[in-house]
C-alpha atoms as a PDB file:
ATOM      1  CA  UNK A   1      -0.157  -0.161   0.148  1.00  0.00           C
ATOM      2  CA  UNK A   2       1.288   3.431  -0.880  1.00  0.00           C
ATOM      3  CA  UNK A   3      -0.037   6.960  -0.042  1.00  0.00           C
ATOM      4  CA  UNK A   4       0.710   9.960  -2.774  1.00  0.00           C
ATOM      5  CA  UNK A   5      -0.416  13.382  -3.384  1.00  0.00           C
ATOM      6  CA  UNK A   6      -2.361  13.148  -6.288  1.00  0.00           C
ATOM      7  CA  UNK A   7      -1.851  15.441  -9.783  1.00  0.00           C
ATOM      8  CA  UNK A   8      -3.999  16.086 -12.885  1.00  0.00           C
ATOM      9  CA  UNK A   9      -3.148  13.017 -14.144  1.00  0.00           C
ATOM     10  CA  UNK A  10      -5.012  11.189 -11.515  1.00  0.00           C
ATOM     11  CA  UNK A  11      -8.358  12.828 -12.284  1.00  0.00           C
ATOM     12  CA  UNK A  12      -9.910   9.677 -13.565  1.00  0.00           C
ATOM     13  CA  UNK A  13      -8.587   7.654 -10.701  1.00  0.00           C
ATOM     14  CA  UNK A  14     -10.358  10.430  -8.456  1.00  0.00           C
ATOM     15  CA  UNK A  15     -13.178  10.379 -10.155  1.00  0.00           C
ATOM     16  CA  UNK A  16     -13.895   6.459  -9.841  1.00  0.00           C
ATOM     17  CA  UNK A  17     -13.234   6.456  -6.450  1.00  0.00           C
ATOM     18  CA  UNK A  18     -15.822   9.053  -5.676  1.00  0.00           C
ATOM     19  CA  UNK A  19     -18.228   7.130  -8.053  1.00  0.00           C
ATOM     20  CA  UNK A  20     -17.587   3.768  -6.048  1.00  0.00           C
ATOM     21  CA  UNK A  21     -18.074   5.608  -2.787  1.00  0.00           C
ATOM     22  CA  UNK A  22     -21.523   7.064  -4.204  1.00  0.00           C
ATOM     23  CA  UNK A  23     -22.362   3.464  -5.138  1.00  0.00           C
ATOM     24  CA  UNK A  24     -21.728   1.809  -2.186  1.00  0.00           C
ATOM     25  CA  UNK A  25     -24.300   4.288  -0.732  1.00  0.00           C
ATOM     26  CA  UNK A  26     -26.685   4.477  -3.135  1.00  0.00           C
ATOM     27  CA  UNK A  27     -26.550   1.459  -5.331  1.00  0.00           C
ATOM     28  CA  UNK A  28     -25.566   1.600  -9.443  1.00  0.00           C
ATOM     29  CA  UNK A  29     -26.095   5.378 -10.511  1.00  0.00           C
ATOM     30  CA  UNK A  30     -26.879   5.775 -14.390  1.00  0.00           C
ATOM     31  CA  UNK A  31     -24.989   9.086 -14.788  1.00  0.00           C
ATOM     32  CA  UNK A  32     -23.048   8.987 -18.235  1.00  0.00           C
ATOM     33  CA  UNK A  33     -22.108  12.911 -18.046  1.00  0.00           C
ATOM     34  CA  UNK A  34     -20.285  12.482 -14.422  1.00  0.00           C
ATOM     35  CA  UNK A  35     -16.739  11.844 -15.388  1.00  0.00           C
ATOM     36  CA  UNK A  36     -16.791  15.286 -17.443  1.00  0.00           C
ATOM     37  CA  UNK A  37     -18.403  17.063 -14.754  1.00  0.00           C
ATOM     38  CA  UNK A  38     -16.094  15.603 -12.338  1.00  0.00           C
ATOM     39  CA  UNK A  39     -13.434  16.601 -14.350  1.00  0.00           C
ATOM     40  CA  UNK A  40     -14.485  19.961 -14.570  1.00  0.00           C
ATOM     41  CA  UNK A  41     -15.164  20.419 -11.282  1.00  0.00           C
ATOM     42  CA  UNK A  42     -11.316  19.390 -10.307  1.00  0.00           C
ATOM     43  CA  UNK A  43      -9.912  21.751 -12.969  1.00  0.00           C
ATOM     44  CA  UNK A  44     -11.506  24.051 -11.157  1.00  0.00           C
ATOM     45  CA  UNK A  45     -10.473  22.982  -7.386  1.00  0.00           C
ATOM     46  CA  UNK A  46      -6.851  22.522  -7.871  1.00  0.00           C
ATOM     47  CA  UNK A  47      -5.502  26.178  -7.070  1.00  0.00           C
ATOM     48  CA  UNK A  48      -7.020  25.776  -3.774  1.00  0.00           C
ATOM     49  CA  UNK A  49      -7.513  21.854  -2.729  1.00  0.00           C
ATOM     50  CA  UNK A  50      -4.659  18.949  -2.492  1.00  0.00           C
ATOM     51  CA  UNK A  51      -5.658  15.694  -2.853  1.00  0.00           C
ATOM     52  CA  UNK A  52      -3.818  12.316  -1.669  1.00  0.00           C
ATOM     53  CA  UNK A  53      -4.681   8.687  -3.427  1.00  0.00           C
ATOM     54  CA  UNK A  54      -4.221   5.481  -1.735  1.00  0.00           C
ATOM     55  CA  UNK A  55      -2.797   2.186  -3.910  1.00  0.00           C
ATOM     56  CA  UNK A  56      -3.115  -1.299  -3.599  1.00  0.00           C
ATOM     57  CA  UNK A  57      -0.182  -1.811  -6.414  1.00  0.00           C
ATOM     58  CA  UNK A  58      -1.438   0.060  -8.992  1.00  0.00           C
ATOM     59  CA  UNK A  59      -4.772   0.165  -8.009  1.00  0.00           C
ATOM     60  CA  UNK A  60      -6.347   3.420  -6.190  1.00  0.00           C
ATOM     61  CA  UNK A  61      -8.454   2.044  -3.381  1.00  0.00           C
ATOM     62  CA  UNK A  62      -8.689   5.491  -1.206  1.00  0.00           C
ATOM     63  CA  UNK A  63      -8.944   9.110  -1.263  1.00  0.00           C
ATOM     64  CA  UNK A  64      -8.774  12.319   0.629  1.00  0.00           C
ATOM     65  CA  UNK A  65      -8.591  15.817  -0.120  1.00  0.00           C
ATOM     66  CA  UNK A  66      -8.121  19.311   1.900  1.00  0.00           C
ATOM     67  CA  UNK A  67      -9.643  22.523   0.782  1.00  0.00           C
ATOM     68  CA  UNK A  68      -7.420  25.443   1.676  1.00  0.00           C
ATOM     69  CA  UNK A  69      -9.298  28.555   3.120  1.00  0.00           C
ATOM     70  CA  UNK A  70      -6.864  31.955   3.156  1.00  0.00           C
ATOM     71  CA  UNK A  71      -8.259  34.381   5.658  1.00  0.00           C
ATOM     72  CA  UNK A  72      -8.664  37.884   5.024  1.00  0.00           C
ATOM     73  CA  UNK A  73      -5.647  40.156   5.554  1.00  0.00           C
ATOM     74  CA  UNK A  74      -5.608  41.725   9.219  1.00  0.00           C
ATOM     75  CA  UNK A  75      -3.440  44.824   9.615  1.00  0.00           C
ATOM     76  CA  UNK A  76      -0.826  43.873  11.714  1.00  0.00           C
ATOM     77  CA  UNK A  77      -0.971  40.340  11.472  1.00  0.00           C
ATOM     78  CA  UNK A  78       0.835  37.584   9.042  1.00  0.00           C
ATOM     79  CA  UNK A  79      -1.116  35.999   6.431  1.00  0.00           C
ATOM     80  CA  UNK A  80      -3.017  33.019   8.015  1.00  0.00           C
ATOM     81  CA  UNK A  81      -4.630  29.900   6.162  1.00  0.00           C
ATOM     82  CA  UNK A  82      -6.511  26.817   7.547  1.00  0.00           C
ATOM     83  CA  UNK A  83      -7.302  23.728   6.226  1.00  0.00           C
ATOM     84  CA  UNK A  84     -10.836  21.299   5.865  1.00  0.00           C
ATOM     85  CA  UNK A  85     -10.221  17.845   5.378  1.00  0.00           C
ATOM     86  CA  UNK A  86     -12.943  16.450   3.220  1.00  0.00           C
ATOM     87  CA  UNK A  87     -14.017  13.133   1.518  1.00  0.00           C
ATOM     88  CA  UNK A  88     -12.070  10.551   2.857  1.00  0.00           C
ATOM     89  CA  UNK A  89     -12.679   7.499   1.299  1.00  0.00           C
ATOM     90  CA  UNK A  90     -11.410   3.860   1.448  1.00  0.00           C
ATOM     91  CA  UNK A  91     -13.042   0.810  -0.772  1.00  0.00           C
ATOM     92  CA  UNK A  92     -14.433  -1.744   1.484  1.00  0.00           C
ATOM     93  CA  UNK A  93     -11.973  -4.612   0.710  1.00  0.00           C
ATOM     94  CA  UNK A  94      -9.160  -2.585   1.922  1.00  0.00           C
ATOM     95  CA  UNK A  95     -10.804  -0.641   5.283  1.00  0.00           C
ATOM     96  CA  UNK A  96      -8.876  -1.040   8.796  1.00  0.00           C
ATOM     97  CA  UNK A  97      -5.198  -1.735   7.502  1.00  0.00           C
ATOM     98  CA  UNK A  98      -4.462   1.993   8.063  1.00  0.00           C
ATOM     99  CA  UNK A  99      -4.450   3.647   4.983  1.00  0.00           C
ATOM    100  CA  UNK A 100      -7.134   6.098   6.143  1.00  0.00           C
ATOM    101  CA  UNK A 101      -4.621   6.861   8.981  1.00  0.00           C
ATOM    102  CA  UNK A 102      -1.591   7.172   6.028  1.00  0.00           C
ATOM    103  CA  UNK A 103      -3.581   9.531   4.079  1.00  0.00           C
ATOM    104  CA  UNK A 104      -4.768  11.519   7.476  1.00  0.00           C
ATOM    105  CA  UNK A 105      -1.049  11.513   8.061  1.00  0.00           C
ATOM    106  CA  UNK A 106      -0.026  12.857   4.391  1.00  0.00           C
ATOM    107  CA  UNK A 107      -2.727  15.507   4.909  1.00  0.00           C
ATOM    108  CA  UNK A 108      -1.588  16.777   7.960  1.00  0.00           C
ATOM    109  CA  UNK A 109       1.995  16.968   7.189  1.00  0.00           C
ATOM    110  CA  UNK A 110       0.811  19.050   4.202  1.00  0.00           C
ATOM    111  CA  UNK A 111      -0.978  21.363   6.703  1.00  0.00           C
ATOM    112  CA  UNK A 112       2.029  21.445   9.052  1.00  0.00           C
ATOM    113  CA  UNK A 113       4.497  22.306   6.268  1.00  0.00           C
ATOM    114  CA  UNK A 114       2.169  24.743   4.927  1.00  0.00           C
ATOM    115  CA  UNK A 115       1.866  26.438   8.057  1.00  0.00           C
ATOM    116  CA  UNK A 116      -1.988  26.131   8.671  1.00  0.00           C
ATOM    117  CA  UNK A 117      -3.541  27.865  11.596  1.00  0.00           C
ATOM    118  CA  UNK A 118      -6.075  25.089  12.156  1.00  0.00           C
ATOM    119  CA  UNK A 119      -7.375  22.113  10.095  1.00  0.00           C
ATOM    120  CA  UNK A 120     -10.999  21.279  10.540  1.00  0.00           C
ATOM    121  CA  UNK A 121     -13.658  18.291   9.427  1.00  0.00           C
ATOM    122  CA  UNK A 122     -17.055  17.203   9.233  1.00  0.00           C
ATOM    123  CA  UNK A 123     -16.821  13.398  10.389  1.00  0.00           C
ATOM    124  CA  UNK A 124     -19.475  11.022  10.060  1.00  0.00           C
ATOM    125  CA  UNK A 125     -20.877   9.382  13.140  1.00  0.00           C
ATOM    126  CA  UNK A 126     -18.682   6.548  12.251  1.00  0.00           C
ATOM    127  CA  UNK A 127     -15.440   8.348  11.622  1.00  0.00           C
ATOM    128  CA  UNK A 128     -15.559  10.051  14.752  1.00  0.00           C
ATOM    129  CA  UNK A 129     -13.253   7.675  17.138  1.00  0.00           C
ATOM    130  CA  UNK A 130     -10.728   7.252  14.039  1.00  0.00           C
ATOM    131  CA  UNK A 131     -10.307  11.225  13.894  1.00  0.00           C
ATOM    132  CA  UNK A 132     -10.419  11.337  17.722  1.00  0.00           C
ATOM    133  CA  UNK A 133      -7.499   8.848  17.756  1.00  0.00           C
ATOM    134  CA  UNK A 134      -5.208  11.226  15.354  1.00  0.00           C
ATOM    135  CA  UNK A 135      -5.841  14.106  17.712  1.00  0.00           C
ATOM    136  CA  UNK A 136      -9.225  15.564  16.624  1.00  0.00           C
ATOM    137  CA  UNK A 137     -11.419  16.854  19.121  1.00  0.00           C
ATOM    138  CA  UNK A 138     -15.024  18.591  18.771  1.00  0.00           C
ATOM    139  CA  UNK A 139     -14.771  22.194  17.832  1.00  0.00           C
ATOM    140  CA  UNK A 140     -16.518  24.566  20.198  1.00  0.00           C
ATOM    141  CA  UNK A 141     -15.085  27.746  18.429  1.00  0.00           C
ATOM    142  CA  UNK A 142     -17.530  27.519  15.215  1.00  0.00           C
ATOM    143  CA  UNK A 143     -20.973  27.809  14.732  1.00  0.00           C
ATOM    144  CA  UNK A 144     -23.226  25.734  12.202  1.00  0.00           C
ATOM    145  CA  UNK A 145     -26.728  27.052  10.180  1.00  0.00           C
ATOM    146  CA  UNK A 146     -28.432  24.567   8.172  1.00  0.00           C
ATOM    147  CA  UNK A 147     -30.467  25.568   5.551  1.00  0.00           C
ATOM    148  CA  UNK A 148     -34.170  25.892   6.789  1.00  0.00           C
ATOM    149  CA  UNK A 149     -36.362  22.913   6.535  1.00  0.00           C
END
């Protein structure tokens, strides 16, 4: 198993994992335009989002990304950025082998190297213990508003 930073040449692998994740939850989805829509979305995201891929041999089996938020400049304060980890996925037959931990370690190393002020995420109920084992705790400094209805 290897984890590496994804590049533009990995668009098809990232799209395939996103489709696999969706179809794991919903069953087969007939969407012939998905790959093109994903490629368009990804092309617009590269400038402020980093992606990691996990491989079993040559087969991509996991992905994760981190969106970079750049804070508005403040007089007398250095520039500041923070990261939001999202879309973490490991294919069912490869879970509980440390792949998620390896991708998370790579993302956090990136955040530390970039000097991010903080890293946040929106975990699923199932992933809360995983992230807790890696130093994440409930965020008491954020507020959330959901749409009405």
